[in-house]
């Protein structure tokens, strides 16, 4: 799928990959959904992947809200930057080790809806014009939205497919 250049494409890509993600997850038995991945990775199970997506939605939602309120904040919270964000992802993982699987599903479904509503509140020009907002730097707001939705869902799908493949070979 080509990178979106309109709000309609952005929402369609996000929704399409979200549906694919949950169709894949729903193809697992409850036991398989809870099973630890057989491969080494930061995210050890489907719940970890879902809360990772949820927390990245929160980053986007909070970043936009704060900047629209006049509070200049970076997308990644201090002390993280684009070189150290893997450390932030580890903190996300640690934060959610006691989050039940069912709650991770609920959290992600709600945050996905919140992000789609956020996207809907902007025009194509606001989403896809470089430097439209000073706080997006040289990138478009739409690019951040793609990264937090369809691209991130694609990452999750690949990871969960790897889990499915390994379960099939057991």
Foldseek 3Di string as FASTA:
>chain_A
DDQDLFLVVLLVLQVVLVVVLVVLLVVDDPVLQPQFFPDDDLQGGLLLLLLLLLVLLVLLVVCVVCVVVVNQDASDHPPDDPVRCVVVSSVSSVVCPPPDSVVSVVSNVVSSVVLSVVSVVDGSCQQRPAPPDVSVPRGGNVVSSCVSGNVSSVVSSVVSVSRVVVVVVD
